[in-house]
Amino acid sequence: MRYTASNGVEPEASTHGNKVGRVTVAITSLYRAY
């Protein structure tokens, strides 16, 4: 399980950090794109 500060994923969501982490990155990237 890898944690990235850029994603802001907390250790509590380690189980869902894999899928949720990618989703959050996509959402954040979209917001930054706009």
Protein backbone atom coordinates (compact mmCIF):
# COMPACT_ATOMS: atom_id res chain seq x y z
CA MET A 1 0.00 0.00 0.00
CA ARG A 2 1.60 3.24 -1.13
CA TYR A 3 0.68 6.64 0.24
CA THR A 4 1.24 9.86 -1.69
CA ALA A 5 1.04 13.28 -0.10
CA SER A 6 -0.09 14.74 -3.42
CA ASN A 7 -3.22 12.58 -3.35
CA GLY A 8 -3.91 13.48 0.26
CA VAL A 9 -5.07 9.92 0.97
CA GLU A 10 -5.20 9.21 4.71
CA PRO A 11 -3.90 5.90 6.17
CA GLU A 12 -7.41 5.21 7.41
CA ALA A 13 -8.50 4.71 3.81
CA SER A 14 -5.65 2.29 3.16
CA THR A 15 -8.14 -0.38 2.04
CA HIS A 16 -9.86 1.92 -0.44
CA GLY A 17 -6.78 4.07 -0.95
CA ASN A 18 -5.95 2.15 -4.12
CA LYS A 19 -9.18 2.81 -6.01
CA VAL A 20 -10.34 5.94 -4.19
CA GLY A 21 -6.84 7.38 -4.47
CA ARG A 22 -6.93 7.20 -8.24
CA VAL A 23 -10.44 8.65 -8.34
CA THR A 24 -9.42 11.56 -6.13
CA VAL A 25 -6.42 12.23 -8.36
CA ALA A 26 -8.64 12.29 -11.44
CA ILE A 27 -11.10 14.67 -9.75
CA THR A 28 -8.36 16.95 -8.47
CA SER A 29 -6.71 17.00 -11.89
CA LEU A 30 -10.03 17.96 -13.48
CA TYR A 31 -10.53 20.83 -11.02
CA ARG A 32 -6.99 22.02 -11.65
CA ALA A 33 -7.53 21.73 -15.40
CA TYR A 34 -10.47 24.15 -15.16
